Amino acid sequence: QGCLNRVGEYNVLQLTVDGREVLKGAQTPRLLKPAGKAKRESKAAHDSWDGVDRGLFDVLRKLRREKADERGLPPFVVFGDATLRDLARKRPSTADALLEVHGIGEKKRAQYGEEFLDAVVGYCQENGVAMDMVPS
């Protein structure tokens, strides 16, 4: 809108007369809404929900929040959404099977494994959902 110029070899920004007027409050710049396409869900985001039991995901999310609050951590430090989706997709029934879930190694399994495993097994038994799913 003519408030800035690029100057010199490195395209340093410099205020114009109009720019000074904006800073003084004598002029108001127009804020333009960018012309955009309709928001679309990426293929990766869509695929990441394939085979996920959404009810179990919600249960796991609630448990993650509780564990994070207990430790004073943000929830993603306990487990990221991708890990919760993979848990809700694979639905492991043993501590060893937890290690096959994206984002769970020995340390996370030792910290949170038992509680999350109990949540998975309990949910699957209550809802008649198969466990130990092998990704296709």
N, C-alpha and C. Protein backbone atom coordinates (compact mmCIF):
# COMPACT_ATOMS: atom_id res chain seq x y z
N GLN A 1 0.82 -1.20 0.00
CA GLN A 1 0.00 0.00 0.00
C GLN A 1 0.86 1.25 0.00
N GLY A 2 2.13 1.05 -0.31
CA GLY A 2 3.01 2.20 -0.45
C GLY A 2 3.58 2.71 0.85
N CYS A 3 3.55 1.93 1.89
CA CYS A 3 4.08 2.37 3.18
C CYS A 3 5.56 2.01 3.34
N LEU A 4 6.02 1.05 2.57
CA LEU A 4 7.41 0.60 2.65
C LEU A 4 8.02 0.50 1.27
N ASN A 5 9.33 0.71 1.20
CA ASN A 5 10.10 0.50 -0.03
C ASN A 5 11.24 -0.45 0.29
N ARG A 6 11.65 -1.22 -0.71
CA ARG A 6 12.85 -2.05 -0.57
C ARG A 6 14.00 -1.23 -1.15
N VAL A 7 15.08 -1.16 -0.39
CA VAL A 7 16.19 -0.31 -0.78
C VAL A 7 17.49 -1.10 -0.73
N GLY A 8 18.34 -0.87 -1.72
CA GLY A 8 19.70 -1.41 -1.72
C GLY A 8 19.80 -2.85 -2.14
N GLU A 9 21.04 -3.32 -2.08
CA GLU A 9 21.39 -4.67 -2.53
C GLU A 9 20.67 -5.76 -1.74
N TYR A 10 20.41 -5.50 -0.44
CA TYR A 10 19.81 -6.52 0.42
C TYR A 10 18.31 -6.30 0.64
N ASN A 11 17.72 -5.43 -0.16
CA ASN A 11 16.28 -5.16 -0.06
C ASN A 11 15.83 -4.81 1.35
N VAL A 12 16.56 -3.92 1.97
CA VAL A 12 16.20 -3.45 3.31
C VAL A 12 14.91 -2.64 3.20
N LEU A 13 13.99 -2.85 4.13
CA LEU A 13 12.74 -2.11 4.11
C LEU A 13 12.92 -0.72 4.70
N GLN A 14 12.34 0.27 4.03
CA GLN A 14 12.43 1.65 4.48
C GLN A 14 11.04 2.27 4.43
N LEU A 15 10.70 3.06 5.47
CA LEU A 15 9.41 3.73 5.52
C LEU A 15 9.32 4.80 4.44
N THR A 16 8.13 4.92 3.86
CA THR A 16 7.86 6.00 2.92
C THR A 16 7.13 7.10 3.68
N VAL A 17 6.80 8.19 2.97
CA VAL A 17 6.03 9.28 3.58
C VAL A 17 4.69 8.74 4.07
N ASP A 18 4.04 7.91 3.24
CA ASP A 18 2.77 7.31 3.65
C ASP A 18 2.95 6.43 4.90
N GLY A 19 4.05 5.70 4.96
CA GLY A 19 4.34 4.86 6.12
C GLY A 19 4.47 5.66 7.40
N ARG A 20 5.12 6.82 7.29
CA ARG A 20 5.25 7.69 8.46
C ARG A 20 3.88 8.20 8.91
N GLU A 21 3.02 8.49 7.94
CA GLU A 21 1.67 8.96 8.27
C GLU A 21 0.88 7.86 9.00
N VAL A 22 1.06 6.61 8.60
CA VAL A 22 0.39 5.49 9.27
C VAL A 22 0.88 5.40 10.71
N LEU A 23 2.20 5.50 10.91
CA LEU A 23 2.75 5.41 12.27
C LEU A 23 2.27 6.55 13.16
N LYS A 24 2.06 7.71 12.57
CA LYS A 24 1.56 8.86 13.34
C LYS A 24 0.07 8.75 13.63
N GLY A 25 -0.61 7.84 12.91
CA GLY A 25 -2.05 7.69 13.09
C GLY A 25 -2.85 8.59 12.17
N ALA A 26 -2.17 9.28 11.25
CA ALA A 26 -2.86 10.18 10.33
C ALA A 26 -3.54 9.42 9.19
N GLN A 27 -3.04 8.23 8.89
CA GLN A 27 -3.65 7.39 7.86
C GLN A 27 -3.90 6.01 8.46
N THR A 28 -4.86 5.31 7.90
CA THR A 28 -5.15 3.95 8.34
C THR A 28 -4.96 3.01 7.15
N PRO A 29 -4.09 2.02 7.28
CA PRO A 29 -3.91 1.08 6.17
C PRO A 29 -5.13 0.17 6.05
N ARG A 30 -5.41 -0.27 4.86
CA ARG A 30 -6.49 -1.24 4.64
C ARG A 30 -5.93 -2.64 4.86
N LEU A 31 -6.62 -3.41 5.65
CA LEU A 31 -6.23 -4.80 5.84
C LEU A 31 -7.00 -5.64 4.84
N LEU A 32 -6.26 -6.30 4.00
CA LEU A 32 -6.89 -7.06 2.93
C LEU A 32 -6.99 -8.52 3.31
N LYS A 33 -8.10 -9.11 2.98
CA LYS A 33 -8.28 -10.54 3.19
C LYS A 33 -7.65 -11.26 2.01
N PRO A 34 -6.73 -12.16 2.25
CA PRO A 34 -6.07 -12.84 1.13
C PRO A 34 -7.07 -13.68 0.35
N ALA A 35 -6.93 -13.64 -0.95
CA ALA A 35 -7.77 -14.49 -1.80
C ALA A 35 -7.29 -15.91 -1.60
N GLY A 36 -8.15 -16.77 -1.13
CA GLY A 36 -7.71 -18.13 -0.84
C GLY A 36 -8.69 -19.16 -1.36
N LYS A 37 -8.21 -20.35 -1.37
CA LYS A 37 -9.03 -21.48 -1.78
C LYS A 37 -9.80 -21.98 -0.56
N ALA A 38 -10.79 -22.77 -0.81
CA ALA A 38 -11.53 -23.39 0.29
C ALA A 38 -10.56 -24.26 1.08
N LYS A 39 -10.71 -24.24 2.39
CA LYS A 39 -9.82 -25.02 3.24
C LYS A 39 -10.06 -26.50 2.99
N ARG A 40 -8.95 -27.19 2.73
CA ARG A 40 -9.04 -28.63 2.48
C ARG A 40 -8.20 -29.37 3.51
N GLU A 41 -8.64 -30.55 3.81
CA GLU A 41 -7.89 -31.40 4.72
C GLU A 41 -6.81 -32.09 3.90
N SER A 42 -5.59 -32.08 4.40
CA SER A 42 -4.50 -32.71 3.67
C SER A 42 -4.70 -34.23 3.66
N LYS A 43 -4.09 -34.86 2.68
CA LYS A 43 -4.18 -36.32 2.58
C LYS A 43 -3.57 -36.97 3.82
N ALA A 44 -2.45 -36.40 4.30
CA ALA A 44 -1.80 -36.96 5.49
C ALA A 44 -2.71 -36.87 6.70
N ALA A 45 -3.38 -35.74 6.87
CA ALA A 45 -4.28 -35.59 8.01
C ALA A 45 -5.46 -36.54 7.89
N HIS A 46 -5.99 -36.70 6.68
CA HIS A 46 -7.12 -37.61 6.47
C HIS A 46 -6.69 -39.05 6.72
N ASP A 47 -5.56 -39.45 6.16
CA ASP A 47 -5.09 -40.83 6.31
C ASP A 47 -4.76 -41.17 7.76
N SER A 48 -4.35 -40.18 8.52
CA SER A 48 -3.95 -40.46 9.88
C SER A 48 -5.12 -40.92 10.75
N TRP A 49 -6.35 -40.72 10.28
CA TRP A 49 -7.53 -41.17 11.03
C TRP A 49 -8.04 -42.53 10.54
N ASP A 50 -7.45 -43.08 9.47
CA ASP A 50 -7.90 -44.38 8.96
C ASP A 50 -7.74 -45.45 10.03
N GLY A 51 -8.81 -46.16 10.32
CA GLY A 51 -8.78 -47.27 11.27
C GLY A 51 -8.77 -46.87 12.74
N VAL A 52 -8.86 -45.58 13.02
CA VAL A 52 -8.82 -45.10 14.41
C VAL A 52 -10.22 -45.21 15.02
N ASP A 53 -10.30 -45.80 16.21
CA ASP A 53 -11.55 -45.84 16.96
C ASP A 53 -11.67 -44.49 17.67
N ARG A 54 -12.57 -43.65 17.18
CA ARG A 54 -12.68 -42.28 17.70
C ARG A 54 -13.10 -42.24 19.17
N GLY A 55 -13.93 -43.18 19.58
CA GLY A 55 -14.32 -43.23 20.99
C GLY A 55 -13.13 -43.51 21.88
N LEU A 56 -12.31 -44.45 21.48
CA LEU A 56 -11.10 -44.77 22.24
C LEU A 56 -10.14 -43.59 22.22
N PHE A 57 -10.01 -42.95 21.07
CA PHE A 57 -9.15 -41.77 20.98
C PHE A 57 -9.57 -40.72 22.02
N ASP A 58 -10.87 -40.49 22.14
CA ASP A 58 -11.36 -39.50 23.11
C ASP A 58 -11.05 -39.91 24.55
N VAL A 59 -11.18 -41.20 24.85
CA VAL A 59 -10.85 -41.71 26.19
C VAL A 59 -9.36 -41.48 26.46
N LEU A 60 -8.52 -41.79 25.47
CA LEU A 60 -7.08 -41.64 25.64
C LEU A 60 -6.68 -40.16 25.78
N ARG A 61 -7.39 -39.30 25.07
CA ARG A 61 -7.12 -37.87 25.16
C ARG A 61 -7.41 -37.35 26.57
N LYS A 62 -8.51 -37.83 27.13
CA LYS A 62 -8.88 -37.42 28.49
C LYS A 62 -7.82 -37.90 29.49
N LEU A 63 -7.38 -39.14 29.34
CA LEU A 63 -6.34 -39.69 30.22
C LEU A 63 -5.04 -38.92 30.06
N ARG A 64 -4.70 -38.58 28.82
CA ARG A 64 -3.48 -37.78 28.58
C ARG A 64 -3.56 -36.45 29.31
N ARG A 65 -4.71 -35.80 29.26
CA ARG A 65 -4.90 -34.52 29.94
C ARG A 65 -4.70 -34.68 31.45
N GLU A 66 -5.26 -35.75 32.02
CA GLU A 66 -5.11 -35.99 33.45
C GLU A 66 -3.65 -36.19 33.83
N LYS A 67 -2.94 -37.00 33.06
CA LYS A 67 -1.52 -37.28 33.34
C LYS A 67 -0.70 -36.00 33.20
N ALA A 68 -0.99 -35.20 32.19
CA ALA A 68 -0.27 -33.95 31.98
C ALA A 68 -0.53 -32.98 33.13
N ASP A 69 -1.78 -32.87 33.54
CA ASP A 69 -2.13 -31.97 34.65
C ASP A 69 -1.43 -32.40 35.95
N GLU A 70 -1.38 -33.71 36.20
CA GLU A 70 -0.72 -34.23 37.41
C GLU A 70 0.75 -33.83 37.46
N ARG A 71 1.38 -33.80 36.28
CA ARG A 71 2.82 -33.53 36.21
C ARG A 71 3.13 -32.07 35.86
N GLY A 72 2.09 -31.27 35.62
CA GLY A 72 2.31 -29.88 35.25
C GLY A 72 2.95 -29.73 33.87
N LEU A 73 2.57 -30.61 32.95
CA LEU A 73 3.14 -30.62 31.60
C LEU A 73 2.05 -30.30 30.58
N PRO A 74 2.46 -29.82 29.41
CA PRO A 74 1.48 -29.73 28.32
C PRO A 74 1.15 -31.15 27.85
N PRO A 75 -0.07 -31.39 27.41
CA PRO A 75 -0.49 -32.75 27.03
C PRO A 75 0.40 -33.40 25.96
N PHE A 76 0.88 -32.63 25.00
CA PHE A 76 1.67 -33.24 23.92
C PHE A 76 2.98 -33.83 24.41
N VAL A 77 3.43 -33.42 25.60
CA VAL A 77 4.67 -33.98 26.15
C VAL A 77 4.41 -35.41 26.62
N VAL A 78 3.22 -35.66 27.12
CA VAL A 78 2.87 -37.03 27.53
C VAL A 78 2.82 -37.90 26.29
N PHE A 79 1.93 -37.60 25.36
CA PHE A 79 1.85 -38.27 24.06
C PHE A 79 1.27 -37.28 23.08
N GLY A 80 1.76 -37.28 21.87
CA GLY A 80 1.20 -36.45 20.81
C GLY A 80 -0.07 -37.07 20.26
N ASP A 81 -0.82 -36.30 19.50
CA ASP A 81 -2.06 -36.80 18.89
C ASP A 81 -1.78 -38.01 17.97
N ALA A 82 -0.66 -37.97 17.26
CA ALA A 82 -0.34 -39.09 16.36
C ALA A 82 -0.18 -40.39 17.14
N THR A 83 0.40 -40.30 18.34
CA THR A 83 0.56 -41.49 19.19
C THR A 83 -0.79 -41.98 19.68
N LEU A 84 -1.65 -41.05 20.10
CA LEU A 84 -2.99 -41.45 20.57
C LEU A 84 -3.79 -42.09 19.43
N ARG A 85 -3.68 -41.52 18.21
CA ARG A 85 -4.39 -42.12 17.06
C ARG A 85 -3.86 -43.52 16.80
N ASP A 86 -2.54 -43.70 16.87
CA ASP A 86 -1.97 -45.02 16.60
C ASP A 86 -2.39 -46.01 17.69
N LEU A 87 -2.45 -45.55 18.95
CA LEU A 87 -2.94 -46.42 20.03
C LEU A 87 -4.39 -46.83 19.77
N ALA A 88 -5.21 -45.86 19.34
CA ALA A 88 -6.63 -46.14 19.08
C ALA A 88 -6.81 -46.95 17.80
N ARG A 89 -5.81 -47.00 16.96
CA ARG A 89 -5.86 -47.80 15.74
C ARG A 89 -5.40 -49.23 16.02
N LYS A 90 -4.26 -49.37 16.71
CA LYS A 90 -3.66 -50.70 16.94
C LYS A 90 -4.26 -51.41 18.14
N ARG A 91 -4.71 -50.65 19.13
CA ARG A 91 -5.36 -51.18 20.33
C ARG A 91 -4.56 -52.34 20.96
N PRO A 92 -3.34 -52.08 21.40
CA PRO A 92 -2.51 -53.14 21.97
C PRO A 92 -3.06 -53.67 23.28
N SER A 93 -2.78 -54.96 23.53
CA SER A 93 -3.28 -55.57 24.77
C SER A 93 -2.15 -55.96 25.72
N THR A 94 -0.90 -55.79 25.29
CA THR A 94 0.23 -56.15 26.14
C THR A 94 1.25 -55.02 26.17
N ALA A 95 2.10 -55.06 27.19
CA ALA A 95 3.15 -54.04 27.31
C ALA A 95 4.12 -54.11 26.14
N ASP A 96 4.41 -55.32 25.66
CA ASP A 96 5.30 -55.45 24.51
C ASP A 96 4.68 -54.86 23.24
N ALA A 97 3.38 -55.05 23.09
CA ALA A 97 2.69 -54.51 21.90
C ALA A 97 2.68 -52.98 21.91
N LEU A 98 2.78 -52.37 23.10
CA LEU A 98 2.83 -50.91 23.18
C LEU A 98 4.03 -50.36 22.43
N LEU A 99 5.12 -51.12 22.41
CA LEU A 99 6.34 -50.66 21.74
C LEU A 99 6.18 -50.59 20.23
N GLU A 100 5.12 -51.18 19.70
CA GLU A 100 4.84 -51.13 18.26
C GLU A 100 4.06 -49.88 17.88
N VAL A 101 3.65 -49.10 18.87
CA VAL A 101 2.86 -47.90 18.63
C VAL A 101 3.81 -46.73 18.37
N HIS A 102 3.49 -45.95 17.35
CA HIS A 102 4.28 -44.77 17.00
C HIS A 102 4.40 -43.85 18.21
N GLY A 103 5.64 -43.48 18.57
CA GLY A 103 5.85 -42.53 19.65
C GLY A 103 5.99 -43.14 21.03
N ILE A 104 5.94 -44.47 21.13
CA ILE A 104 6.12 -45.12 22.44
C ILE A 104 7.37 -45.97 22.41
N GLY A 105 8.32 -45.58 23.23
CA GLY A 105 9.55 -46.34 23.42
C GLY A 105 9.58 -46.86 24.84
N GLU A 106 10.74 -47.35 25.22
CA GLU A 106 10.89 -47.91 26.57
C GLU A 106 10.55 -46.89 27.66
N LYS A 107 11.03 -45.65 27.49
CA LYS A 107 10.83 -44.64 28.52
C LYS A 107 9.35 -44.28 28.69
N LYS A 108 8.66 -44.01 27.57
CA LYS A 108 7.23 -43.66 27.64
C LYS A 108 6.41 -44.85 28.14
N ARG A 109 6.82 -46.04 27.74
CA ARG A 109 6.10 -47.22 28.22
C ARG A 109 6.24 -47.34 29.73
N ALA A 110 7.46 -47.10 30.24
CA ALA A 110 7.67 -47.17 31.68
C ALA A 110 6.90 -46.08 32.42
N GLN A 111 6.83 -44.87 31.83
CA GLN A 111 6.16 -43.75 32.49
C GLN A 111 4.64 -43.89 32.48
N TYR A 112 4.09 -44.22 31.30
CA TYR A 112 2.63 -44.14 31.12
C TYR A 112 1.98 -45.43 30.62
N GLY A 113 2.78 -46.41 30.28
CA GLY A 113 2.27 -47.60 29.61
C GLY A 113 1.15 -48.32 30.31
N GLU A 114 1.32 -48.57 31.59
CA GLU A 114 0.33 -49.36 32.33
C GLU A 114 -1.04 -48.70 32.31
N GLU A 115 -1.07 -47.38 32.56
CA GLU A 115 -2.36 -46.68 32.63
C GLU A 115 -3.04 -46.60 31.25
N PHE A 116 -2.25 -46.35 30.23
CA PHE A 116 -2.83 -46.26 28.89
C PHE A 116 -3.24 -47.64 28.40
N LEU A 117 -2.46 -48.66 28.73
CA LEU A 117 -2.82 -50.02 28.37
C LEU A 117 -4.13 -50.43 29.05
N ASP A 118 -4.26 -50.10 30.33
CA ASP A 118 -5.51 -50.39 31.05
C ASP A 118 -6.70 -49.69 30.38
N ALA A 119 -6.48 -48.45 29.94
CA ALA A 119 -7.56 -47.70 29.29
C ALA A 119 -7.96 -48.35 27.97
N VAL A 120 -6.97 -48.80 27.20
CA VAL A 120 -7.24 -49.44 25.91
C VAL A 120 -7.99 -50.75 26.12
N VAL A 121 -7.47 -51.58 27.01
CA VAL A 121 -8.09 -52.90 27.25
C VAL A 121 -9.50 -52.72 27.81
N GLY A 122 -9.66 -51.82 28.78
CA GLY A 122 -10.98 -51.59 29.36
C GLY A 122 -11.99 -51.10 28.33
N TYR A 123 -11.59 -50.16 27.49
CA TYR A 123 -12.47 -49.63 26.46
C TYR A 123 -12.86 -50.74 25.48
N CYS A 124 -11.88 -51.52 25.04
CA CYS A 124 -12.15 -52.57 24.05
C CYS A 124 -13.08 -53.64 24.62
N GLN A 125 -12.87 -54.01 25.87
CA GLN A 125 -13.74 -55.02 26.50
C GLN A 125 -15.15 -54.49 26.68
N GLU A 126 -15.27 -53.24 27.13
CA GLU A 126 -16.59 -52.64 27.34
C GLU A 126 -17.39 -52.51 26.05
N ASN A 127 -16.69 -52.22 24.96
CA ASN A 127 -17.36 -51.91 23.70
C ASN A 127 -17.28 -53.03 22.67
N GLY A 128 -16.73 -54.19 23.07
CA GLY A 128 -16.65 -55.32 22.16
C GLY A 128 -15.79 -55.03 20.93
N VAL A 129 -14.71 -54.30 21.14
CA VAL A 129 -13.83 -53.91 20.04
C VAL A 129 -12.61 -54.81 20.04
N ALA A 130 -12.19 -55.27 18.87
CA ALA A 130 -11.03 -56.15 18.74
C ALA A 130 -9.75 -55.41 19.15
N MET A 131 -8.81 -56.17 19.71
CA MET A 131 -7.52 -55.59 20.10
C MET A 131 -6.42 -56.17 19.23
N ASP A 132 -5.22 -55.60 19.41
CA ASP A 132 -4.03 -56.05 18.70
C ASP A 132 -4.23 -56.06 17.18
N MET A 133 -4.66 -54.93 16.69
CA MET A 133 -4.89 -54.78 15.25
C MET A 133 -3.54 -54.62 14.54
N VAL A 134 -3.38 -55.31 13.45
CA VAL A 134 -2.18 -55.21 12.63
C VAL A 134 -2.48 -54.27 11.49
N PRO A 135 -1.68 -53.20 11.35
CA PRO A 135 -1.96 -52.25 10.26
C PRO A 135 -1.81 -52.94 8.90
N SER A 136 -2.69 -52.53 7.97
CA SER A 136 -2.63 -53.15 6.65
C SER A 136 -1.71 -52.40 5.74
